Amino acid sequence: MGERPVQRTTARVVVLDPDGRVLLLGARLPDPSVPPGEVLFWYTPGGGVEDGETLRAAAVRKLAEEIGLRVEPAALEGPVWLRRHVGPFGEQVFDTRETFFVLRDVVHDVVPGALTELELLADEPHRWWSTGELAAGGALVPADLPALVAELRAGPWTGPPRIVA
């Protein structure tokens, strides 16, 4: 892992239901060469931006692929947050630049649409988290997700994107 990190641009969506619960996926795969284990952390739907694709287009594509939800790019609010994370996945180190949008008042039963081979291997669970469940914690990404989601629940995002950890 002494090589330069691979830069990866991603688009993510904070999906909120009418009760303000947030949908999170459970990451279970620390390395593609080992079977998935227990949930390592919970995160928002989203993923890599393909060549020539806008951030919004990538975000709506990943919603369709990962949770089976089809929306128009204009339905996304934001961007609301920006996050950078540098870390390993298997033998490679990634320098990930994440842009987060929000989608409100979603009523949806999660049924993945078109998962990649790696996503199928990971076999990640999903669940809707209430305010209390977020506050009770666990490993969440971003780490300050409870406070960040509380801000989003207060109403439409009107400012520039916020840098989060």
C-alpha atoms as a PDB file:
ATOM      1  CA  MET A   1       0.000   0.000   0.000  1.00  0.00           C
ATOM      2  CA  GLY A   2       2.934   2.349  -0.563  1.00  0.00           C
ATOM      3  CA  GLU A   3       1.488   3.684  -3.819  1.00  0.00           C
ATOM      4  CA  ARG A   4      -0.332   6.978  -4.164  1.00  0.00           C
ATOM      5  CA  PRO A   5      -3.989   6.838  -3.176  1.00  0.00           C
ATOM      6  CA  VAL A   6      -6.500   6.484  -5.990  1.00  0.00           C
ATOM      7  CA  GLN A   7      -8.724   9.555  -6.096  1.00  0.00           C
ATOM      8  CA  ARG A   8     -12.422   8.655  -6.153  1.00  0.00           C
ATOM      9  CA  THR A   9     -15.299  11.101  -6.517  1.00  0.00           C
ATOM     10  CA  THR A  10     -18.602   9.960  -5.045  1.00  0.00           C
ATOM     11  CA  ALA A  11     -22.159  11.262  -4.764  1.00  0.00           C
ATOM     12  CA  ARG A  12     -24.276  10.302  -1.742  1.00  0.00           C
ATOM     13  CA  VAL A  13     -27.861  10.933  -0.700  1.00  0.00           C
ATOM     14  CA  VAL A  14     -29.284  11.474   2.781  1.00  0.00           C
ATOM     15  CA  VAL A  15     -32.710   9.846   2.332  1.00  0.00           C
ATOM     16  CA  LEU A  16     -35.286  11.058   4.877  1.00  0.00           C
ATOM     17  CA  ASP A  17     -38.786   9.650   5.320  1.00  0.00           C
ATOM     18  CA  PRO A  18     -41.806  11.785   6.361  1.00  0.00           C
ATOM     19  CA  ASP A  19     -41.047  11.047  10.035  1.00  0.00           C
ATOM     20  CA  GLY A  20     -37.459  12.304   9.657  1.00  0.00           C
ATOM     21  CA  ARG A  21     -35.882   8.848   9.816  1.00  0.00           C
ATOM     22  CA  VAL A  22     -32.759   8.406   7.706  1.00  0.00           C
ATOM     23  CA  LEU A  23     -31.991   5.380   5.530  1.00  0.00           C
ATOM     24  CA  LEU A  24     -28.533   3.885   6.072  1.00  0.00           C
ATOM     25  CA  LEU A  25     -26.692   0.922   4.582  1.00  0.00           C
ATOM     26  CA  GLY A  26     -24.421  -1.314   6.655  1.00  0.00           C
ATOM     27  CA  ALA A  27     -20.877  -1.802   5.348  1.00  0.00           C
ATOM     28  CA  ARG A  28     -19.733  -5.379   5.994  1.00  0.00           C
ATOM     29  CA  LEU A  29     -16.794  -5.783   3.637  1.00  0.00           C
ATOM     30  CA  PRO A  30     -13.362  -4.554   4.801  1.00  0.00           C
ATOM     31  CA  ASP A  31     -11.593  -6.197   1.886  1.00  0.00           C
ATOM     32  CA  PRO A  32     -12.979  -7.722  -1.344  1.00  0.00           C
ATOM     33  CA  SER A  33     -10.846 -10.844  -0.805  1.00  0.00           C
ATOM     34  CA  VAL A  34     -12.560 -11.902   2.446  1.00  0.00           C
ATOM     35  CA  PRO A  35     -16.193 -12.835   3.170  1.00  0.00           C
ATOM     36  CA  PRO A  36     -18.353 -10.092   4.665  1.00  0.00           C
ATOM     37  CA  GLY A  37     -18.656 -10.064   8.440  1.00  0.00           C
ATOM     38  CA  GLU A  38     -20.582  -7.978  10.947  1.00  0.00           C
ATOM     39  CA  VAL A  39     -21.524  -4.401  10.079  1.00  0.00           C
ATOM     40  CA  LEU A  40     -18.434  -2.193  10.371  1.00  0.00           C
ATOM     41  CA  PHE A  41     -20.255   1.119   9.948  1.00  0.00           C
ATOM     42  CA  TRP A  42     -23.511   2.611   8.613  1.00  0.00           C
ATOM     43  CA  TYR A  43     -23.538   5.080   5.716  1.00  0.00           C
ATOM     44  CA  THR A  44     -25.821   6.815   3.227  1.00  0.00           C
ATOM     45  CA  PRO A  45     -26.620   5.380  -0.215  1.00  0.00           C
ATOM     46  CA  GLY A  46     -24.369   6.533  -3.034  1.00  0.00           C
ATOM     47  CA  GLY A  47     -21.155   5.752  -4.791  1.00  0.00           C
ATOM     48  CA  GLY A  48     -18.664   6.505  -7.504  1.00  0.00           C
ATOM     49  CA  VAL A  49     -19.204   9.065 -10.232  1.00  0.00           C
ATOM     50  CA  GLU A  50     -18.591   7.665 -13.721  1.00  0.00           C
ATOM     51  CA  ASP A  51     -16.651   9.521 -16.433  1.00  0.00           C
ATOM     52  CA  GLY A  52     -18.745  12.327 -17.909  1.00  0.00           C
ATOM     53  CA  GLU A  53     -21.458  11.945 -15.255  1.00  0.00           C
ATOM     54  CA  THR A  54     -22.610  14.848 -13.060  1.00  0.00           C
ATOM     55  CA  LEU A  55     -22.754  14.481  -9.297  1.00  0.00           C
ATOM     56  CA  ARG A  56     -26.580  14.642  -9.354  1.00  0.00           C
ATOM     57  CA  ALA A  57     -26.810  12.061 -12.137  1.00  0.00           C
ATOM     58  CA  ALA A  58     -24.496   9.736 -10.182  1.00  0.00           C
ATOM     59  CA  ALA A  59     -26.544  10.226  -7.004  1.00  0.00           C
ATOM     60  CA  VAL A  60     -29.849   9.302  -8.677  1.00  0.00           C
ATOM     61  CA  ARG A  61     -28.228   6.369 -10.512  1.00  0.00           C
ATOM     62  CA  LYS A  62     -26.875   4.995  -7.235  1.00  0.00           C
ATOM     63  CA  LEU A  63     -30.287   5.387  -5.552  1.00  0.00           C
ATOM     64  CA  ALA A  64     -31.818   3.279  -8.317  1.00  0.00           C
ATOM     65  CA  GLU A  65     -29.052   0.673  -8.178  1.00  0.00           C
ATOM     66  CA  GLU A  66     -28.646   0.354  -4.412  1.00  0.00           C
ATOM     67  CA  ILE A  67     -32.170   0.830  -3.065  1.00  0.00           C
ATOM     68  CA  GLY A  68     -34.431   0.624  -6.142  1.00  0.00           C
ATOM     69  CA  LEU A  69     -35.618   4.229  -5.839  1.00  0.00           C
ATOM     70  CA  ARG A  70     -35.998   6.226  -9.053  1.00  0.00           C
ATOM     71  CA  VAL A  71     -36.060  10.011  -8.769  1.00  0.00           C
ATOM     72  CA  GLU A  72     -35.256  12.965 -11.000  1.00  0.00           C
ATOM     73  CA  PRO A  73     -31.988  14.830 -10.347  1.00  0.00           C
ATOM     74  CA  ALA A  74     -33.988  18.002  -9.594  1.00  0.00           C
ATOM     75  CA  ALA A  75     -35.602  16.219  -6.603  1.00  0.00           C
ATOM     76  CA  LEU A  76     -32.257  16.297  -4.781  1.00  0.00           C
ATOM     77  CA  GLU A  77     -31.588  19.195  -2.443  1.00  0.00           C
ATOM     78  CA  GLY A  78     -28.088  20.562  -2.110  1.00  0.00           C
ATOM     79  CA  PRO A  79     -25.289  19.678  -2.172  1.00  0.00           C
ATOM     80  CA  VAL A  80     -25.457  19.889   1.607  1.00  0.00           C
ATOM     81  CA  TRP A  81     -22.160  18.376   2.762  1.00  0.00           C
ATOM     82  CA  LEU A  82     -18.667  17.673   1.440  1.00  0.00           C
ATOM     83  CA  ARG A  83     -16.406  15.031   2.982  1.00  0.00           C
ATOM     84  CA  ARG A  84     -12.945  13.706   2.251  1.00  0.00           C
ATOM     85  CA  HIS A  85     -11.812  10.306   3.466  1.00  0.00           C
ATOM     86  CA  VAL A  86      -8.471   8.634   2.826  1.00  0.00           C
ATOM     87  CA  GLY A  87      -8.274   4.962   3.694  1.00  0.00           C
ATOM     88  CA  PRO A  88      -7.595   1.440   2.466  1.00  0.00           C
ATOM     89  CA  PHE A  89      -9.960  -0.986   0.832  1.00  0.00           C
ATOM     90  CA  GLY A  90      -8.184  -4.257   0.292  1.00  0.00           C
ATOM     91  CA  GLU A  91      -4.732  -3.645  -1.150  1.00  0.00           C
ATOM     92  CA  GLN A  92      -5.526  -0.135  -2.431  1.00  0.00           C
ATOM     93  CA  VAL A  93      -5.696   3.202  -0.624  1.00  0.00           C
ATOM     94  CA  PHE A  94      -8.463   5.545  -1.795  1.00  0.00           C
ATOM     95  CA  ASP A  95      -8.695   9.322  -1.454  1.00  0.00           C
ATOM     96  CA  THR A  96     -12.473   9.675  -1.595  1.00  0.00           C
ATOM     97  CA  ARG A  97     -14.178  13.032  -2.201  1.00  0.00           C
ATOM     98  CA  GLU A  98     -17.863  12.749  -1.227  1.00  0.00           C
ATOM     99  CA  THR A  99     -20.664  15.160  -2.101  1.00  0.00           C
ATOM    100  CA  PHE A 100     -23.939  14.680  -0.211  1.00  0.00           C
ATOM    101  CA  PHE A 101     -27.442  15.628  -1.318  1.00  0.00           C
ATOM    102  CA  VAL A 102     -30.705  15.220   0.596  1.00  0.00           C
ATOM    103  CA  LEU A 103     -33.991  13.690  -0.555  1.00  0.00           C
ATOM    104  CA  ARG A 104     -36.971  14.367   1.706  1.00  0.00           C
ATOM    105  CA  ASP A 105     -40.307  12.723   2.475  1.00  0.00           C
ATOM    106  CA  VAL A 106     -39.421   9.386   0.905  1.00  0.00           C
ATOM    107  CA  VAL A 107     -41.816   6.475   1.374  1.00  0.00           C
ATOM    108  CA  HIS A 108     -40.050   3.481  -0.128  1.00  0.00           C
ATOM    109  CA  ASP A 109     -39.439  -0.215   0.446  1.00  0.00           C
ATOM    110  CA  VAL A 110     -35.785  -0.900  -0.288  1.00  0.00           C
ATOM    111  CA  VAL A 111     -35.270  -3.385  -3.112  1.00  0.00           C
ATOM    112  CA  PRO A 112     -31.855  -3.073  -4.774  1.00  0.00           C
ATOM    113  CA  GLY A 113     -32.112  -2.470  -8.499  1.00  0.00           C
ATOM    114  CA  ALA A 114     -28.802  -3.298 -10.159  1.00  0.00           C
ATOM    115  CA  LEU A 115     -25.972  -4.010  -7.776  1.00  0.00           C
ATOM    116  CA  THR A 116     -22.383  -4.412  -8.899  1.00  0.00           C
ATOM    117  CA  GLU A 117     -20.580  -7.714  -8.341  1.00  0.00           C
ATOM    118  CA  LEU A 118     -18.809  -6.183  -5.335  1.00  0.00           C
ATOM    119  CA  GLU A 119     -22.097  -4.860  -3.882  1.00  0.00           C
ATOM    120  CA  LEU A 120     -23.658  -8.307  -4.260  1.00  0.00           C
ATOM    121  CA  LEU A 121     -20.676  -9.860  -2.492  1.00  0.00           C
ATOM    122  CA  ALA A 122     -20.950  -7.348   0.359  1.00  0.00           C
ATOM    123  CA  ASP A 123     -24.614  -8.281   0.976  1.00  0.00           C
ATOM    124  CA  GLU A 124     -25.215  -5.095   2.961  1.00  0.00           C
ATOM    125  CA  PRO A 125     -28.247  -4.648   5.211  1.00  0.00           C
ATOM    126  CA  HIS A 126     -30.277  -1.461   5.316  1.00  0.00           C
ATOM    127  CA  ARG A 127     -32.481   0.168   7.897  1.00  0.00           C
ATOM    128  CA  TRP A 128     -34.314   3.366   8.687  1.00  0.00           C
ATOM    129  CA  TRP A 129     -32.854   5.160  11.738  1.00  0.00           C
ATOM    130  CA  SER A 130     -34.885   7.416  14.056  1.00  0.00           C
ATOM    131  CA  THR A 131     -33.410  10.413  15.864  1.00  0.00           C
ATOM    132  CA  GLY A 132     -33.027   8.345  19.035  1.00  0.00           C
ATOM    133  CA  GLU A 133     -31.355   5.459  17.242  1.00  0.00           C
ATOM    134  CA  LEU A 134     -28.866   7.811  15.581  1.00  0.00           C
ATOM    135  CA  ALA A 135     -28.123   9.460  18.920  1.00  0.00           C
ATOM    136  CA  ALA A 136     -27.550   6.042  20.524  1.00  0.00           C
ATOM    137  CA  GLY A 137     -24.795   5.759  17.984  1.00  0.00           C
ATOM    138  CA  GLY A 138     -22.705   3.065  16.662  1.00  0.00           C
ATOM    139  CA  ALA A 139     -20.239   3.527  13.867  1.00  0.00           C
ATOM    140  CA  LEU A 140     -21.790   6.126  11.563  1.00  0.00           C
ATOM    141  CA  VAL A 141     -20.349   7.858   8.505  1.00  0.00           C
ATOM    142  CA  PRO A 142     -20.027  10.803   8.656  1.00  0.00           C
ATOM    143  CA  ALA A 143     -19.137  10.471  12.341  1.00  0.00           C
ATOM    144  CA  ASP A 144     -21.287  13.454  13.360  1.00  0.00           C
ATOM    145  CA  LEU A 145     -24.304  12.117  11.446  1.00  0.00           C
ATOM    146  CA  PRO A 146     -26.801  12.575  14.336  1.00  0.00           C
ATOM    147  CA  ALA A 147     -26.181  16.346  14.543  1.00  0.00           C
ATOM    148  CA  LEU A 148     -25.959  16.722  10.770  1.00  0.00           C
ATOM    149  CA  VAL A 149     -29.265  14.939  10.166  1.00  0.00           C
ATOM    150  CA  ALA A 150     -30.895  17.018  12.920  1.00  0.00           C
ATOM    151  CA  GLU A 151     -29.863  20.133  10.965  1.00  0.00           C
ATOM    152  CA  LEU A 152     -31.410  18.740   7.793  1.00  0.00           C
ATOM    153  CA  ARG A 153     -34.650  17.876   9.602  1.00  0.00           C
ATOM    154  CA  ALA A 154     -35.017  21.574  10.520  1.00  0.00           C
ATOM    155  CA  GLY A 155     -35.928  22.470   6.941  1.00  0.00           C
ATOM    156  CA  PRO A 156     -34.620  23.037   3.440  1.00  0.00           C
ATOM    157  CA  TRP A 157     -30.897  23.557   3.027  1.00  0.00           C
ATOM    158  CA  THR A 158     -30.197  27.123   1.910  1.00  0.00           C
ATOM    159  CA  GLY A 159     -26.476  27.610   2.385  1.00  0.00           C
ATOM    160  CA  PRO A 160     -23.367  26.359   0.653  1.00  0.00           C
ATOM    161  CA  PRO A 161     -22.248  22.788   1.301  1.00  0.00           C
ATOM    162  CA  ARG A 162     -20.751  22.226   4.740  1.00  0.00           C
ATOM    163  CA  ILE A 163     -17.439  20.394   5.240  1.00  0.00           C
ATOM    164  CA  VAL A 164     -18.030  17.331   7.473  1.00  0.00           C
ATOM    165  CA  ALA A 165     -15.765  14.722   9.028  1.00  0.00           C
END
